């Protein structure tokens, strides 16, 4: 029994050592080639930065630093998305399926319109969502046809969040352009008050 235990311990030690070597080799090989790691103040290399793919959406113009800090201080979030109030989302669905127009209240088309977009962009199911967002002056300047005043809350179709994982896996520019054309508004960053229940 003692010999079995000692051979198991040596096997587990060997396996852990091999795993440690493999992990250090893979972490070295996964550093980004196009961006050298930044130096930390102590002189040790910092964590390498991730790069965006060239086909991903261009999220410009960025919100100002002051706006971003105000959102974070309020424990809010920011999403890149489009104005979807005043039946914009429902009208988009009815324009694709004209037989739906006039049959029921447009309010009933809200979630079917969201489901349509998620079906059209299947890899983006968890990114595309409905939110209540604040109209900022930046949003108003970009989309002057929005009837809401600065500071009012409106319905927003969010495409991706200003969070690391969501941002680096964001939609392509082609997908954003298609949705923007369907909705008839320009995408921008929104201060999200809260997210609506998903479907």
N, C-alpha and C. Protein backbone atom coordinates (compact mmCIF):
# COMPACT_ATOMS: atom_id res chain seq x y z
N UNK A 1 0.83 -1.20 0.00
CA UNK A 1 0.00 0.00 0.00
C UNK A 1 0.86 1.25 0.00
N UNK A 2 1.99 1.21 0.77
CA UNK A 2 2.88 2.36 0.83
C UNK A 2 3.50 2.64 -0.52
N UNK A 3 3.82 1.58 -1.28
CA UNK A 3 4.44 1.78 -2.60
C UNK A 3 3.45 2.39 -3.58
N UNK A 4 2.18 2.02 -3.46
CA UNK A 4 1.16 2.59 -4.34
C UNK A 4 0.99 4.08 -4.03
N UNK A 5 0.96 4.43 -2.75
CA UNK A 5 0.81 5.82 -2.34
C UNK A 5 1.98 6.66 -2.81
N UNK A 6 3.22 6.14 -2.65
CA UNK A 6 4.39 6.92 -3.08
C UNK A 6 4.43 7.08 -4.60
N UNK A 7 4.03 6.05 -5.35
CA UNK A 7 4.02 6.19 -6.81
C UNK A 7 2.93 7.16 -7.26
N UNK A 8 1.77 7.19 -6.56
CA UNK A 8 0.71 8.15 -6.89
C UNK A 8 1.17 9.58 -6.61
N UNK A 9 1.91 9.78 -5.49
CA UNK A 9 2.40 11.11 -5.16
C UNK A 9 3.41 11.59 -6.20
N UNK A 10 4.30 10.69 -6.62
CA UNK A 10 5.28 11.10 -7.64
C UNK A 10 4.60 11.40 -8.96
N UNK A 11 3.56 10.64 -9.29
CA UNK A 11 2.81 10.89 -10.52
C UNK A 11 2.09 12.24 -10.44
N UNK A 12 1.47 12.54 -9.29
CA UNK A 12 0.76 13.82 -9.16
C UNK A 12 1.73 14.99 -9.17
N UNK A 13 2.93 14.83 -8.59
CA UNK A 13 3.94 15.87 -8.61
C UNK A 13 4.41 16.12 -10.04
N UNK A 14 4.63 15.05 -10.77
CA UNK A 14 5.06 15.16 -12.16
C UNK A 14 3.99 15.87 -12.98
N UNK A 15 2.75 15.53 -12.77
CA UNK A 15 1.65 16.14 -13.52
C UNK A 15 1.54 17.63 -13.21
N UNK A 16 1.64 18.02 -11.96
CA UNK A 16 1.56 19.43 -11.58
C UNK A 16 2.72 20.20 -12.18
N UNK A 17 3.91 19.63 -12.15
CA UNK A 17 5.08 20.28 -12.73
C UNK A 17 4.89 20.48 -14.23
N UNK A 18 4.42 19.43 -14.90
CA UNK A 18 4.19 19.54 -16.34
C UNK A 18 3.12 20.60 -16.65
N UNK A 19 2.07 20.63 -15.84
CA UNK A 19 1.02 21.63 -16.06
C UNK A 19 1.55 23.05 -15.85
N UNK A 20 2.39 23.24 -14.82
CA UNK A 20 2.97 24.55 -14.58
C UNK A 20 3.83 24.99 -15.75
N UNK A 21 4.64 24.07 -16.30
CA UNK A 21 5.49 24.39 -17.45
C UNK A 21 4.64 24.73 -18.66
N UNK A 22 3.59 23.94 -18.89
CA UNK A 22 2.71 24.19 -20.03
C UNK A 22 2.01 25.54 -19.90
N UNK A 23 1.57 25.86 -18.69
CA UNK A 23 0.89 27.14 -18.47
C UNK A 23 1.82 28.32 -18.71
N UNK A 24 3.06 28.22 -18.24
CA UNK A 24 3.99 29.33 -18.44
C UNK A 24 4.35 29.47 -19.91
N UNK A 25 4.46 28.36 -20.63
CA UNK A 25 4.75 28.41 -22.07
C UNK A 25 3.59 29.03 -22.83
N UNK A 26 2.35 28.62 -22.51
CA UNK A 26 1.20 29.15 -23.24
C UNK A 26 0.96 30.62 -22.93
N UNK A 27 1.20 31.06 -21.68
CA UNK A 27 0.99 32.47 -21.37
C UNK A 27 2.00 33.34 -22.09
N UNK A 28 3.22 32.83 -22.30
CA UNK A 28 4.22 33.59 -23.04
C UNK A 28 3.83 33.68 -24.50
N UNK A 29 3.29 32.59 -25.06
CA UNK A 29 2.96 32.58 -26.48
C UNK A 29 1.69 33.35 -26.79
N UNK A 30 0.82 33.61 -25.78
CA UNK A 30 -0.43 34.32 -26.07
C UNK A 30 -0.30 35.83 -25.96
N UNK A 31 0.87 36.37 -25.63
CA UNK A 31 1.02 37.82 -25.59
C UNK A 31 0.82 38.37 -27.00
N UNK A 32 0.19 39.51 -27.07
CA UNK A 32 -0.10 40.11 -28.36
C UNK A 32 1.18 40.55 -29.04
N UNK A 33 1.28 40.23 -30.31
CA UNK A 33 2.48 40.56 -31.06
C UNK A 33 2.50 42.02 -31.48
N UNK A 34 1.33 42.61 -31.72
CA UNK A 34 1.29 43.98 -32.23
C UNK A 34 1.38 45.03 -31.14
N UNK A 35 1.25 44.65 -29.87
CA UNK A 35 1.32 45.62 -28.79
C UNK A 35 2.23 45.09 -27.69
N UNK A 36 3.39 45.70 -27.51
CA UNK A 36 4.26 45.24 -26.43
C UNK A 36 3.63 45.56 -25.09
N UNK A 37 3.88 44.72 -24.07
CA UNK A 37 3.29 45.01 -22.77
C UNK A 37 3.81 46.33 -22.21
N UNK A 38 2.93 47.07 -21.58
CA UNK A 38 3.32 48.35 -20.99
C UNK A 38 4.16 48.09 -19.74
N UNK A 39 5.01 49.04 -19.40
CA UNK A 39 5.83 48.92 -18.19
C UNK A 39 5.07 49.50 -17.01
N UNK A 40 5.06 48.79 -15.90
CA UNK A 40 4.45 49.31 -14.70
C UNK A 40 5.43 50.26 -14.02
N UNK A 41 4.98 51.08 -13.08
CA UNK A 41 5.89 52.03 -12.41
C UNK A 41 7.09 51.34 -11.76
N UNK A 42 6.92 50.11 -11.29
CA UNK A 42 8.02 49.40 -10.64
C UNK A 42 9.00 48.82 -11.66
N UNK A 43 8.69 48.91 -12.95
CA UNK A 43 9.57 48.40 -13.98
C UNK A 43 9.22 47.01 -14.45
N UNK A 44 8.30 46.34 -13.77
CA UNK A 44 7.89 45.00 -14.19
C UNK A 44 6.87 45.13 -15.31
N UNK A 45 6.89 44.21 -16.28
CA UNK A 45 5.91 44.31 -17.37
C UNK A 45 4.49 44.15 -16.85
N UNK A 46 3.60 44.98 -17.36
CA UNK A 46 2.19 44.92 -16.98
C UNK A 46 1.49 43.88 -17.84
N UNK A 47 0.24 43.64 -17.53
CA UNK A 47 -0.57 42.70 -18.29
C UNK A 47 -0.69 43.21 -19.73
N UNK A 48 -0.51 42.33 -20.74
CA UNK A 48 -0.61 42.80 -22.13
C UNK A 48 -2.02 43.27 -22.46
N UNK A 49 -2.12 44.30 -23.29
CA UNK A 49 -3.41 44.84 -23.69
C UNK A 49 -3.96 44.02 -24.84
N UNK A 50 -5.29 43.92 -24.88
CA UNK A 50 -5.93 43.20 -25.97
C UNK A 50 -6.15 44.15 -27.13
N UNK A 51 -6.11 43.62 -28.32
CA UNK A 51 -6.32 44.44 -29.51
C UNK A 51 -7.69 44.13 -30.11
N UNK A 52 -8.30 45.12 -30.73
CA UNK A 52 -9.56 44.93 -31.42
C UNK A 52 -9.28 44.34 -32.80
N UNK A 53 -10.27 43.62 -33.32
CA UNK A 53 -10.16 43.13 -34.70
C UNK A 53 -10.48 44.29 -35.64
N UNK A 54 -9.87 44.30 -36.83
CA UNK A 54 -10.11 45.42 -37.75
C UNK A 54 -11.54 45.53 -38.26
N UNK A 55 -12.31 44.43 -38.22
CA UNK A 55 -13.69 44.48 -38.73
C UNK A 55 -14.70 44.89 -37.66
N UNK A 56 -14.25 45.10 -36.43
CA UNK A 56 -15.19 45.43 -35.36
C UNK A 56 -15.70 46.87 -35.46
N UNK A 57 -16.84 47.10 -34.83
CA UNK A 57 -17.50 48.41 -34.88
C UNK A 57 -16.60 49.50 -34.32
N UNK A 58 -16.65 50.64 -34.99
CA UNK A 58 -15.93 51.83 -34.53
C UNK A 58 -16.83 52.56 -33.54
N UNK A 59 -16.47 52.56 -32.25
CA UNK A 59 -17.37 53.13 -31.24
C UNK A 59 -17.21 54.63 -31.02
N UNK A 60 -16.71 55.35 -32.00
CA UNK A 60 -16.50 56.79 -31.86
C UNK A 60 -17.79 57.53 -32.15
N UNK A 61 -18.06 58.66 -31.59
CA UNK A 61 -17.24 59.36 -30.61
C UNK A 61 -17.43 58.77 -29.21
N UNK A 62 -16.33 58.73 -28.45
CA UNK A 62 -16.36 58.25 -27.08
C UNK A 62 -17.09 59.26 -26.20
N UNK A 63 -17.69 58.78 -25.10
CA UNK A 63 -18.21 59.74 -24.12
C UNK A 63 -17.04 60.46 -23.47
N UNK A 64 -17.28 61.65 -22.99
CA UNK A 64 -16.20 62.40 -22.33
C UNK A 64 -15.81 61.69 -21.03
N UNK A 65 -14.61 61.99 -20.56
CA UNK A 65 -14.14 61.40 -19.31
C UNK A 65 -15.07 61.78 -18.16
N UNK A 66 -15.52 63.03 -18.15
CA UNK A 66 -16.42 63.50 -17.10
C UNK A 66 -17.73 62.71 -17.10
N UNK A 67 -18.28 62.48 -18.30
CA UNK A 67 -19.53 61.72 -18.41
C UNK A 67 -19.32 60.29 -17.93
N UNK A 68 -18.23 59.67 -18.35
CA UNK A 68 -17.93 58.29 -17.95
C UNK A 68 -17.79 58.19 -16.43
N UNK A 69 -17.06 59.13 -15.82
CA UNK A 69 -16.86 59.10 -14.37
C UNK A 69 -18.17 59.34 -13.62
N UNK A 70 -19.04 60.20 -14.18
CA UNK A 70 -20.34 60.46 -13.57
C UNK A 70 -21.20 59.18 -13.59
N UNK A 71 -21.15 58.44 -14.70
CA UNK A 71 -21.90 57.19 -14.82
C UNK A 71 -21.38 56.17 -13.81
N UNK A 72 -20.05 56.04 -13.72
CA UNK A 72 -19.45 55.08 -12.80
C UNK A 72 -19.75 55.44 -11.34
N UNK A 73 -19.71 56.74 -11.03
CA UNK A 73 -20.01 57.19 -9.66
C UNK A 73 -21.45 56.85 -9.28
N UNK A 74 -22.34 56.88 -10.26
CA UNK A 74 -23.75 56.54 -10.02
C UNK A 74 -24.00 55.04 -10.11
N UNK A 75 -22.91 54.26 -10.25
CA UNK A 75 -22.97 52.80 -10.38
C UNK A 75 -23.81 52.39 -11.59
N UNK A 76 -23.72 53.20 -12.65
CA UNK A 76 -24.43 52.90 -13.88
C UNK A 76 -23.53 52.19 -14.87
N UNK A 77 -24.04 51.99 -16.05
CA UNK A 77 -23.25 51.37 -17.12
C UNK A 77 -23.47 52.15 -18.40
N UNK A 78 -22.60 51.94 -19.36
CA UNK A 78 -22.74 52.58 -20.67
C UNK A 78 -22.83 51.49 -21.73
N UNK A 79 -23.74 51.71 -22.68
CA UNK A 79 -23.92 50.78 -23.79
C UNK A 79 -23.86 51.56 -25.09
N UNK A 80 -23.25 50.95 -26.09
CA UNK A 80 -23.25 51.49 -27.44
C UNK A 80 -24.55 51.00 -28.07
N UNK A 81 -25.40 51.92 -28.47
CA UNK A 81 -26.69 51.50 -28.99
C UNK A 81 -27.41 52.60 -29.73
N UNK A 82 -28.68 52.35 -29.99
CA UNK A 82 -29.49 53.24 -30.81
C UNK A 82 -30.77 53.63 -30.08
N UNK A 83 -31.24 54.83 -30.39
CA UNK A 83 -32.52 55.31 -29.88
C UNK A 83 -33.61 54.38 -30.40
N UNK A 84 -34.48 53.91 -29.51
CA UNK A 84 -35.51 52.95 -29.91
C UNK A 84 -36.90 53.34 -29.41
N UNK A 85 -37.06 54.56 -28.90
CA UNK A 85 -38.36 55.01 -28.39
C UNK A 85 -39.23 55.47 -29.56
N UNK A 86 -40.43 55.92 -29.24
CA UNK A 86 -41.38 56.41 -30.26
C UNK A 86 -41.63 55.37 -31.35
N UNK A 87 -41.73 54.12 -30.94
CA UNK A 87 -42.05 53.01 -31.84
C UNK A 87 -41.02 52.78 -32.95
N UNK A 88 -39.79 53.28 -32.78
CA UNK A 88 -38.74 53.08 -33.80
C UNK A 88 -38.49 51.59 -34.01
N UNK A 89 -38.38 50.84 -32.92
CA UNK A 89 -38.10 49.41 -33.00
C UNK A 89 -39.27 48.65 -33.63
N UNK A 90 -40.49 49.01 -33.22
CA UNK A 90 -41.67 48.36 -33.76
C UNK A 90 -41.85 48.69 -35.24
N UNK A 91 -41.57 49.95 -35.61
CA UNK A 91 -41.68 50.35 -37.02
C UNK A 91 -40.67 49.60 -37.87
N UNK A 92 -39.49 49.33 -37.31
CA UNK A 92 -38.49 48.56 -38.03
C UNK A 92 -39.03 47.17 -38.35
N UNK A 93 -39.68 46.52 -37.38
CA UNK A 93 -40.22 45.19 -37.60
C UNK A 93 -41.37 45.24 -38.61
N UNK A 94 -42.25 46.23 -38.48
CA UNK A 94 -43.38 46.35 -39.39
C UNK A 94 -42.92 46.65 -40.81
N UNK A 95 -41.79 47.34 -40.97
CA UNK A 95 -41.28 47.60 -42.32
C UNK A 95 -40.76 46.32 -42.97
N UNK A 96 -40.31 45.37 -42.15
CA UNK A 96 -39.86 44.08 -42.67
C UNK A 96 -41.04 43.16 -42.95
N UNK A 97 -42.10 43.30 -42.15
CA UNK A 97 -43.30 42.46 -42.26
C UNK A 97 -44.52 43.38 -42.29
N UNK A 98 -44.85 43.97 -43.45
CA UNK A 98 -45.94 44.95 -43.54
C UNK A 98 -47.30 44.44 -43.07
N UNK A 99 -47.53 43.14 -43.13
CA UNK A 99 -48.83 42.60 -42.71
C UNK A 99 -49.07 42.79 -41.21
N UNK A 100 -48.02 43.07 -40.45
CA UNK A 100 -48.17 43.27 -39.00
C UNK A 100 -48.71 44.66 -38.67
N UNK A 101 -48.50 45.62 -39.55
CA UNK A 101 -48.89 47.00 -39.26
C UNK A 101 -50.42 47.11 -39.16
N UNK A 102 -50.87 47.74 -38.07
CA UNK A 102 -52.29 47.99 -37.89
C UNK A 102 -53.07 46.84 -37.28
N UNK A 103 -52.47 45.67 -37.10
CA UNK A 103 -53.22 44.53 -36.56
C UNK A 103 -53.39 44.62 -35.05
N UNK A 104 -52.35 45.01 -34.37
CA UNK A 104 -52.37 45.08 -32.90
C UNK A 104 -51.69 46.38 -32.48
N UNK A 105 -51.71 46.63 -31.20
CA UNK A 105 -50.97 47.77 -30.68
C UNK A 105 -49.49 47.57 -30.96
N UNK A 106 -48.81 48.65 -31.34
CA UNK A 106 -47.38 48.56 -31.63
C UNK A 106 -46.57 48.13 -30.42
N UNK A 107 -47.12 48.34 -29.22
CA UNK A 107 -46.40 47.93 -28.01
C UNK A 107 -46.16 46.42 -27.98
N UNK A 108 -47.05 45.67 -28.61
CA UNK A 108 -46.89 44.21 -28.63
C UNK A 108 -45.73 43.76 -29.52
N UNK A 109 -45.24 44.65 -30.38
CA UNK A 109 -44.15 44.29 -31.29
C UNK A 109 -42.77 44.52 -30.70
N UNK A 110 -42.70 45.08 -29.50
CA UNK A 110 -41.41 45.44 -28.92
C UNK A 110 -40.47 44.23 -28.80
N UNK A 111 -40.92 43.20 -28.11
CA UNK A 111 -40.06 42.03 -27.93
C UNK A 111 -39.94 41.18 -29.20
N UNK A 112 -40.99 41.06 -30.02
CA UNK A 112 -40.77 40.38 -31.30
C UNK A 112 -39.73 41.09 -32.18
N UNK A 113 -39.68 42.42 -32.11
CA UNK A 113 -38.65 43.16 -32.87
C UNK A 113 -37.26 42.83 -32.34
N UNK A 114 -37.13 42.75 -31.02
CA UNK A 114 -35.86 42.36 -30.42
C UNK A 114 -35.49 40.94 -30.83
N UNK A 115 -36.46 40.03 -30.80
CA UNK A 115 -36.21 38.64 -31.20
C UNK A 115 -35.79 38.57 -32.67
N UNK A 116 -36.40 39.41 -33.51
CA UNK A 116 -36.02 39.44 -34.93
C UNK A 116 -34.55 39.81 -35.09
N UNK A 117 -34.09 40.84 -34.38
CA UNK A 117 -32.69 41.26 -34.49
C UNK A 117 -31.75 40.19 -33.95
N UNK A 118 -32.14 39.56 -32.86
CA UNK A 118 -31.29 38.50 -32.31
C UNK A 118 -31.22 37.30 -33.25
N UNK A 119 -32.31 37.03 -33.97
CA UNK A 119 -32.30 35.94 -34.95
C UNK A 119 -31.46 36.31 -36.16
N UNK A 120 -31.53 37.55 -36.55
CA UNK A 120 -30.76 38.01 -37.72
C UNK A 120 -29.26 38.02 -37.43
N UNK A 121 -28.89 38.26 -36.17
CA UNK A 121 -27.48 38.28 -35.75
C UNK A 121 -27.31 37.25 -34.64
N UNK A 122 -27.28 35.96 -34.99
CA UNK A 122 -27.33 34.90 -33.97
C UNK A 122 -26.15 34.89 -33.00
N UNK A 123 -25.00 35.35 -33.41
CA UNK A 123 -23.86 35.37 -32.49
C UNK A 123 -23.94 36.50 -31.48
N UNK A 124 -24.96 37.35 -31.58
CA UNK A 124 -25.07 38.54 -30.72
C UNK A 124 -26.27 38.47 -29.78
N UNK A 125 -26.79 37.28 -29.55
CA UNK A 125 -28.01 37.12 -28.77
C UNK A 125 -27.95 37.80 -27.41
N UNK A 126 -26.81 37.67 -26.71
CA UNK A 126 -26.72 38.23 -25.36
C UNK A 126 -26.26 39.69 -25.37
N UNK A 127 -25.78 40.19 -26.50
CA UNK A 127 -25.34 41.58 -26.58
C UNK A 127 -26.51 42.52 -26.86
N UNK A 128 -27.37 42.12 -27.78
CA UNK A 128 -28.49 42.98 -28.18
C UNK A 128 -29.57 42.92 -27.11
N UNK A 129 -29.88 44.08 -26.53
CA UNK A 129 -30.88 44.12 -25.47
C UNK A 129 -31.57 45.47 -25.38
N UNK A 130 -32.64 45.51 -24.62
CA UNK A 130 -33.40 46.74 -24.42
C UNK A 130 -33.06 47.35 -23.07
N UNK A 131 -32.87 48.66 -23.07
CA UNK A 131 -32.48 49.38 -21.86
C UNK A 131 -33.23 50.71 -21.80
N UNK A 132 -33.26 51.27 -20.62
CA UNK A 132 -33.74 52.64 -20.44
C UNK A 132 -32.50 53.49 -20.22
N UNK A 133 -32.30 54.47 -21.09
CA UNK A 133 -31.11 55.31 -21.01
C UNK A 133 -31.43 56.79 -20.94
N UNK A 134 -30.45 57.56 -20.48
CA UNK A 134 -30.60 59.01 -20.39
C UNK A 134 -30.14 59.66 -21.70
N UNK A 135 -30.86 60.68 -22.14
CA UNK A 135 -30.44 61.46 -23.30
C UNK A 135 -29.42 62.48 -22.82
N UNK A 136 -28.21 62.40 -23.35
CA UNK A 136 -27.16 63.38 -23.02
C UNK A 136 -27.09 64.41 -24.14
N UNK A 137 -26.36 65.49 -23.90
CA UNK A 137 -26.20 66.51 -24.94
C UNK A 137 -25.47 65.92 -26.15
N UNK A 138 -24.51 65.03 -25.89
CA UNK A 138 -23.76 64.38 -26.97
C UNK A 138 -24.70 63.55 -27.86
N UNK A 139 -25.63 62.83 -27.22
CA UNK A 139 -26.61 62.02 -27.96
C UNK A 139 -27.51 62.94 -28.78
N UNK A 140 -27.95 64.02 -28.17
CA UNK A 140 -28.84 64.98 -28.84
C UNK A 140 -28.15 65.63 -30.04
N UNK A 141 -26.86 65.96 -29.89
CA UNK A 141 -26.11 66.56 -31.00
C UNK A 141 -25.97 65.59 -32.17
N UNK A 142 -25.78 64.30 -31.86
CA UNK A 142 -25.61 63.30 -32.91
C UNK A 142 -26.93 62.96 -33.59
N UNK A 143 -28.00 62.92 -32.82
CA UNK A 143 -29.34 62.58 -33.34
C UNK A 143 -30.33 63.68 -32.98
N UNK A 144 -30.29 64.84 -33.67
CA UNK A 144 -31.16 65.96 -33.29
C UNK A 144 -32.65 65.66 -33.45
N UNK A 145 -33.01 64.62 -34.21
CA UNK A 145 -34.43 64.30 -34.41
C UNK A 145 -35.06 63.61 -33.20
N UNK A 146 -34.24 63.23 -32.20
CA UNK A 146 -34.80 62.63 -30.99
C UNK A 146 -35.64 63.69 -30.28
N UNK A 147 -36.94 63.44 -30.07
CA UNK A 147 -37.79 64.47 -29.48
C UNK A 147 -37.57 64.69 -27.98
N UNK A 148 -36.99 63.73 -27.30
CA UNK A 148 -36.78 63.85 -25.84
C UNK A 148 -35.75 64.93 -25.54
N UNK A 149 -35.89 65.54 -24.37
CA UNK A 149 -34.96 66.59 -23.94
C UNK A 149 -33.77 65.95 -23.23
N UNK A 150 -32.69 66.71 -23.14
CA UNK A 150 -31.49 66.25 -22.43
C UNK A 150 -31.86 65.94 -20.98
N UNK A 151 -31.45 64.77 -20.51
CA UNK A 151 -31.75 64.33 -19.15
C UNK A 151 -32.95 63.42 -19.04
N UNK A 152 -33.79 63.37 -20.08
CA UNK A 152 -34.96 62.49 -20.05
C UNK A 152 -34.54 61.05 -20.34
N UNK A 153 -35.39 60.12 -19.91
CA UNK A 153 -35.13 58.70 -20.14
C UNK A 153 -35.90 58.24 -21.38
N UNK A 154 -35.23 57.40 -22.18
CA UNK A 154 -35.82 56.86 -23.40
C UNK A 154 -35.44 55.39 -23.53
N UNK A 155 -36.12 54.71 -24.44
CA UNK A 155 -35.81 53.31 -24.74
C UNK A 155 -34.59 53.25 -25.66
N UNK A 156 -33.64 52.37 -25.33
CA UNK A 156 -32.40 52.23 -26.09
C UNK A 156 -32.22 50.77 -26.49
N UNK A 157 -31.85 50.55 -27.74
CA UNK A 157 -31.45 49.22 -28.19
C UNK A 157 -29.94 49.13 -28.02
N UNK A 158 -29.49 48.40 -27.01
CA UNK A 158 -28.06 48.27 -26.75
C UNK A 158 -27.43 47.20 -27.63
N UNK A 159 -26.24 47.51 -28.16
CA UNK A 159 -25.52 46.56 -29.02
C UNK A 159 -24.34 45.91 -28.31
N UNK A 160 -23.67 46.65 -27.43
CA UNK A 160 -22.62 46.10 -26.58
C UNK A 160 -22.31 47.09 -25.47
N UNK A 161 -21.80 46.56 -24.37
CA UNK A 161 -21.53 47.38 -23.18
C UNK A 161 -20.09 47.87 -23.17
N UNK A 162 -19.86 48.93 -22.41
CA UNK A 162 -18.50 49.44 -22.20
C UNK A 162 -17.89 48.68 -21.02
N UNK A 163 -17.74 47.38 -21.24
CA UNK A 163 -17.10 46.47 -20.30
C UNK A 163 -16.14 45.62 -21.12
N UNK A 164 -15.06 45.19 -20.51
CA UNK A 164 -13.97 44.57 -21.27
C UNK A 164 -14.43 43.43 -22.17
N UNK A 165 -15.12 42.45 -21.63
CA UNK A 165 -15.48 41.26 -22.43
C UNK A 165 -16.44 41.63 -23.56
N UNK A 166 -17.46 42.41 -23.24
CA UNK A 166 -18.44 42.81 -24.25
C UNK A 166 -17.79 43.69 -25.32
N UNK A 167 -16.92 44.61 -24.90
CA UNK A 167 -16.29 45.53 -25.84
C UNK A 167 -15.36 44.79 -26.81
N UNK A 168 -14.52 43.89 -26.30
CA UNK A 168 -13.57 43.21 -27.18
C UNK A 168 -14.22 42.14 -28.05
N UNK A 169 -15.46 41.77 -27.74
CA UNK A 169 -16.20 40.83 -28.59
C UNK A 169 -17.36 41.53 -29.29
N UNK A 170 -17.22 42.83 -29.50
CA UNK A 170 -18.33 43.63 -30.05
C UNK A 170 -18.62 43.27 -31.51
N UNK A 171 -19.75 43.76 -31.96
CA UNK A 171 -20.23 43.52 -33.32
C UNK A 171 -19.25 44.07 -34.35
N UNK A 172 -19.45 43.62 -35.58
CA UNK A 172 -18.66 44.17 -36.68
C UNK A 172 -19.29 45.50 -37.11
N UNK A 173 -18.51 46.29 -37.81
CA UNK A 173 -19.03 47.57 -38.31
C UNK A 173 -20.16 47.32 -39.30
N UNK A 174 -20.06 46.26 -40.08
CA UNK A 174 -21.12 45.93 -41.05
C UNK A 174 -22.44 45.65 -40.32
N UNK A 175 -22.38 44.88 -39.22
CA UNK A 175 -23.59 44.58 -38.46
C UNK A 175 -24.20 45.86 -37.86
N UNK A 176 -23.35 46.72 -37.31
CA UNK A 176 -23.84 47.98 -36.73
C UNK A 176 -24.47 48.85 -37.81
N UNK A 177 -23.83 48.93 -38.98
CA UNK A 177 -24.38 49.73 -40.08
C UNK A 177 -25.74 49.21 -40.53
N UNK A 178 -25.88 47.88 -40.60
CA UNK A 178 -27.16 47.28 -41.01
C UNK A 178 -28.27 47.62 -40.01
N UNK A 179 -27.97 47.46 -38.72
CA UNK A 179 -28.98 47.75 -37.69
C UNK A 179 -29.31 49.24 -37.68
N UNK A 180 -28.30 50.08 -37.84
CA UNK A 180 -28.52 51.53 -37.89
C UNK A 180 -29.43 51.91 -39.05
N UNK A 181 -29.21 51.28 -40.20
CA UNK A 181 -30.05 51.55 -41.37
C UNK A 181 -31.49 51.07 -41.13
N UNK A 182 -31.63 49.90 -40.51
CA UNK A 182 -32.97 49.38 -40.20
C UNK A 182 -33.71 50.30 -39.24
N UNK A 183 -32.99 50.83 -38.25
CA UNK A 183 -33.61 51.67 -37.22
C UNK A 183 -33.76 53.13 -37.64
N UNK A 184 -32.93 53.57 -38.57
CA UNK A 184 -33.00 54.96 -39.02
C UNK A 184 -32.38 55.96 -38.07
N UNK A 185 -31.52 55.51 -37.15
CA UNK A 185 -30.81 56.40 -36.24
C UNK A 185 -29.34 56.02 -36.18
N UNK A 186 -28.53 56.93 -35.63
CA UNK A 186 -27.10 56.68 -35.52
C UNK A 186 -26.76 56.11 -34.15
N UNK A 187 -25.85 55.13 -34.09
CA UNK A 187 -25.48 54.57 -32.79
C UNK A 187 -24.52 55.48 -32.04
N UNK A 188 -24.59 55.43 -30.73
CA UNK A 188 -23.68 56.18 -29.87
C UNK A 188 -23.68 55.55 -28.49
N UNK A 189 -22.89 56.12 -27.57
CA UNK A 189 -22.82 55.62 -26.20
C UNK A 189 -23.95 56.22 -25.38
N UNK A 190 -24.62 55.38 -24.60
CA UNK A 190 -25.74 55.78 -23.76
C UNK A 190 -25.46 55.46 -22.31
N UNK A 191 -25.86 56.38 -21.43
CA UNK A 191 -25.84 56.12 -19.99
C UNK A 191 -27.12 55.34 -19.70
N UNK A 192 -26.96 54.10 -19.25
CA UNK A 192 -28.09 53.22 -19.01
C UNK A 192 -28.58 53.34 -17.57
N UNK A 193 -29.86 53.67 -17.42
CA UNK A 193 -30.46 53.75 -16.09
C UNK A 193 -30.76 52.34 -15.57
N UNK A 194 -31.37 51.51 -16.43
CA UNK A 194 -31.56 50.10 -16.09
C UNK A 194 -31.90 49.32 -17.36
N UNK A 195 -31.70 48.02 -17.28
CA UNK A 195 -31.96 47.14 -18.42
C UNK A 195 -33.33 46.50 -18.25
N UNK A 196 -34.02 46.33 -19.37
CA UNK A 196 -35.32 45.67 -19.34
C UNK A 196 -35.12 44.16 -19.30
N UNK A 197 -36.10 43.42 -18.80
CA UNK A 197 -35.97 41.96 -18.76
C UNK A 197 -35.71 41.41 -20.16
N UNK A 198 -34.86 40.42 -20.22
CA UNK A 198 -34.51 39.82 -21.51
C UNK A 198 -35.57 38.80 -21.92
N UNK A 199 -35.45 38.33 -23.15
CA UNK A 199 -36.39 37.31 -23.64
C UNK A 199 -35.64 36.04 -23.94
